[in-house]
Amino acid sequence: MHIRREQPADHDAVRSVHRAAFGRGAADRPDDVVEARLTDELREDVGFLPHLSLVAVEGGSVVGHVLATRGWLEPLGRPALGLGPLGVRPAGQGHGVGTALVHALLAVAEACEERVVALLGAPAYYRRFDFRPAAELGITAPVPAWGAHFQARLLTGAPVSGAFRYAAPFDRL
């Protein structure tokens, strides 16, 4: 398996990955999988950062995808990153594909001198990447009920704080 930047020719494969990873069964229509639709919308948003859209490729096929888009810490409008979605085909789940994608994304973000990455996800999973409840870092969630599931990780520079705001497509979920 190798990790590389997503290319336009990968869009259908990435959509398929998210549909497989997040589809809730045969009753779901493919266009109803939120993560697949969100990924498409994020690519069209001003917050899209092409260098932070990565795919995992194995045997010539895309088996996983991760994306981080421009977010903001308010009220000062400090740049931040919002990680997600992260999707892995069911056959690849539990085999390190997601872990490799997140490590690669964090490495690229840090090399680009991004300061902080935030996400909504399972604390038990993201703890391995040094994410912790965002509130511990002084970062408040867009939805307070998310609690400890809204997490953040500092990458470079001095600590930051504020109310996190995702790229606009997240507001339409």
Protein backbone atom coordinates (compact mmCIF):
# COMPACT_ATOMS: atom_id res chain seq x y z
CA MET A 1 0.00 0.00 0.00
CA HIS A 2 1.13 3.53 -0.67
CA ILE A 3 -0.29 6.93 0.17
CA ARG A 4 -0.42 9.72 -2.38
CA ARG A 5 -2.25 12.93 -3.14
CA GLU A 6 -5.73 12.47 -4.60
CA GLN A 7 -5.99 13.20 -8.33
CA PRO A 8 -9.15 14.17 -10.29
CA ALA A 9 -9.14 10.69 -11.85
CA ASP A 10 -9.61 9.28 -8.31
CA HIS A 11 -12.90 11.07 -7.58
CA ASP A 12 -15.18 8.16 -8.54
CA ALA A 13 -13.03 5.68 -6.59
CA VAL A 14 -12.99 7.97 -3.53
CA ARG A 15 -16.78 8.34 -3.72
CA SER A 16 -17.02 4.53 -3.86
CA VAL A 17 -14.74 4.19 -0.83
CA HIS A 18 -16.91 6.49 1.27
CA ARG A 19 -20.11 4.78 0.12
CA ALA A 20 -18.69 1.39 1.07
CA ALA A 21 -17.27 2.63 4.37
CA PHE A 22 -20.32 4.59 5.53
CA GLY A 23 -23.28 3.04 3.67
CA ARG A 24 -25.78 1.60 6.09
CA GLY A 25 -26.87 -1.30 3.93
CA ALA A 26 -28.58 -2.19 0.69
CA ALA A 27 -31.49 0.19 1.42
CA ASP A 28 -29.20 3.22 1.11
CA ARG A 29 -29.16 4.97 -2.22
CA PRO A 30 -25.53 5.69 -3.16
CA ASP A 31 -26.12 9.45 -3.24
CA ASP A 32 -27.52 9.36 0.32
CA VAL A 33 -24.16 8.56 1.95
CA VAL A 34 -23.35 11.84 3.67
CA GLU A 35 -19.57 11.38 3.68
CA ALA A 36 -19.44 10.74 -0.07
CA ARG A 37 -21.58 13.78 -0.83
CA LEU A 38 -19.63 15.92 1.66
CA THR A 39 -16.31 14.97 0.04
CA ASP A 40 -17.61 16.07 -3.37
CA GLU A 41 -18.87 19.37 -1.93
CA LEU A 42 -15.62 20.04 -0.06
CA ARG A 43 -13.63 19.71 -3.30
CA GLU A 44 -15.69 22.61 -4.71
CA ASP A 45 -15.33 24.82 -1.62
CA VAL A 46 -12.81 27.63 -1.14
CA GLY A 47 -11.60 25.73 1.94
CA PHE A 48 -10.39 22.77 -0.15
CA LEU A 49 -6.66 22.14 0.19
CA PRO A 50 -5.62 19.69 -2.57
CA HIS A 51 -2.37 18.78 -0.82
CA LEU A 52 -4.44 17.53 2.14
CA SER A 53 -6.65 15.13 0.19
CA LEU A 54 -4.86 11.79 0.27
CA VAL A 55 -5.64 8.30 -0.98
CA ALA A 56 -4.33 4.89 0.03
CA VAL A 57 -3.71 2.69 -3.00
CA GLU A 58 -3.24 -1.06 -2.89
CA GLY A 59 -2.96 -3.30 -5.92
CA GLY A 60 -3.78 -0.35 -8.17
CA SER A 61 -7.09 0.38 -6.39
CA VAL A 62 -8.02 3.19 -4.04
CA VAL A 63 -8.80 1.56 -0.68
CA GLY A 64 -8.96 4.63 1.56
CA HIS A 65 -9.23 8.41 1.60
CA VAL A 66 -8.71 11.22 4.08
CA LEU A 67 -9.27 14.93 3.70
CA ALA A 68 -8.55 18.06 5.70
CA THR A 69 -10.04 21.41 4.75
CA ARG A 70 -9.53 24.97 5.92
CA GLY A 71 -11.31 25.76 9.13
CA TRP A 72 -11.14 28.78 11.39
CA LEU A 73 -10.84 29.68 15.05
CA GLU A 74 -13.09 32.60 15.88
CA PRO A 75 -13.39 35.39 16.80
CA LEU A 76 -9.96 36.26 15.37
CA GLY A 77 -10.24 34.19 12.20
CA ARG A 78 -7.09 32.17 12.84
CA PRO A 79 -6.62 29.37 10.29
CA ALA A 80 -7.06 25.78 11.43
CA LEU A 81 -7.77 22.45 9.73
CA GLY A 82 -10.87 20.28 9.93
CA LEU A 83 -10.06 16.60 9.37
CA GLY A 84 -12.68 14.45 7.72
CA PRO A 85 -14.07 12.46 6.28
CA LEU A 86 -11.72 9.50 6.70
CA GLY A 87 -12.98 6.42 4.89
CA VAL A 88 -11.58 2.94 4.31
CA ARG A 89 -13.17 0.11 2.34
CA PRO A 90 -14.58 -2.48 4.77
CA ALA A 91 -12.04 -5.12 3.70
CA GLY A 92 -9.22 -2.76 4.66
CA GLN A 93 -10.61 -1.66 8.00
CA GLY A 94 -8.58 -2.81 10.96
CA HIS A 95 -5.47 -3.34 8.82
CA GLY A 96 -3.75 0.02 9.27
CA VAL A 97 -5.06 1.83 6.19
CA GLY A 98 -6.80 4.57 8.19
CA THR A 99 -3.84 4.89 10.53
CA ALA A 100 -1.44 5.33 7.61
CA LEU A 101 -3.71 7.95 6.02
CA VAL A 102 -4.04 10.01 9.20
CA HIS A 103 -0.28 9.87 9.92
CA ALA A 104 0.44 10.99 6.34
CA LEU A 105 -2.08 13.82 6.52
CA LEU A 106 -0.71 15.07 9.84
CA ALA A 107 2.85 14.96 8.46
CA VAL A 108 1.88 17.02 5.41
CA ALA A 109 -0.06 19.50 7.56
CA GLU A 110 2.85 19.93 9.95
CA ALA A 111 5.33 20.35 7.07
CA CYS A 112 3.05 23.11 5.76
CA GLU A 113 3.23 24.77 9.19
CA GLU A 114 -0.44 24.35 10.00
CA ARG A 115 -1.02 24.99 13.69
CA VAL A 116 -4.01 22.90 14.69
CA VAL A 117 -6.24 20.12 13.37
CA ALA A 118 -9.73 19.48 14.72
CA LEU A 119 -12.19 16.65 14.08
CA LEU A 120 -15.34 14.93 15.22
CA GLY A 121 -14.66 11.27 15.87
CA ALA A 122 -14.17 8.39 18.27
CA PRO A 123 -11.75 9.36 21.06
CA ALA A 124 -10.47 5.79 21.40
CA TYR A 125 -9.42 5.78 17.73
CA TYR A 126 -7.92 9.27 17.44
CA ARG A 127 -6.05 9.17 20.76
CA ARG A 128 -3.28 7.18 18.99
CA PHE A 129 -2.57 10.31 16.91
CA ASP A 130 -2.31 12.54 20.01
CA PHE A 131 -5.74 14.08 19.56
CA ARG A 132 -7.49 15.04 22.78
CA PRO A 133 -10.77 16.73 23.67
CA ALA A 134 -10.59 20.13 21.98
CA ALA A 135 -11.91 21.84 25.10
CA GLU A 136 -8.64 20.92 26.86
CA LEU A 137 -6.88 23.13 24.31
CA GLY A 138 -9.36 26.00 24.64
CA ILE A 139 -11.09 25.15 21.36
CA THR A 140 -14.87 24.99 21.45
CA ALA A 141 -16.93 22.74 19.21
CA PRO A 142 -19.41 24.06 16.65
CA VAL A 143 -22.00 21.92 18.48
CA PRO A 144 -21.45 21.81 22.27
CA ALA A 145 -23.20 18.43 22.56
CA TRP A 146 -20.28 16.80 20.70
CA GLY A 147 -18.33 16.92 23.97
CA ALA A 148 -15.20 14.73 24.04
CA HIS A 149 -15.88 13.52 20.49
CA PHE A 150 -14.78 16.93 19.19
CA GLN A 151 -11.00 16.67 19.36
CA ALA A 152 -7.95 18.65 18.35
CA ARG A 153 -4.21 18.32 18.02
CA LEU A 154 -1.65 21.10 18.03
CA LEU A 155 0.95 20.75 15.28
CA THR A 156 3.25 23.77 15.27
CA GLY A 157 3.65 27.09 16.98
CA ALA A 158 2.13 28.47 20.14
CA PRO A 159 -1.17 27.18 21.53
CA VAL A 160 -4.32 28.55 19.95
CA SER A 161 -7.88 28.84 21.19
CA GLY A 162 -11.31 29.91 20.03
CA ALA A 163 -14.54 28.62 18.58
CA PHE A 164 -13.88 26.21 15.71
CA ARG A 165 -15.67 26.71 12.40
CA TYR A 166 -15.52 24.06 9.65
CA ALA A 167 -15.53 24.76 5.91
CA ALA A 168 -19.00 25.79 4.68
CA PRO A 169 -20.14 22.37 3.35
CA PHE A 170 -20.13 21.01 6.90
CA ASP A 171 -22.78 23.59 7.80
CA ARG A 172 -25.16 22.02 5.28
CA LEU A 173 -25.11 18.55 6.85
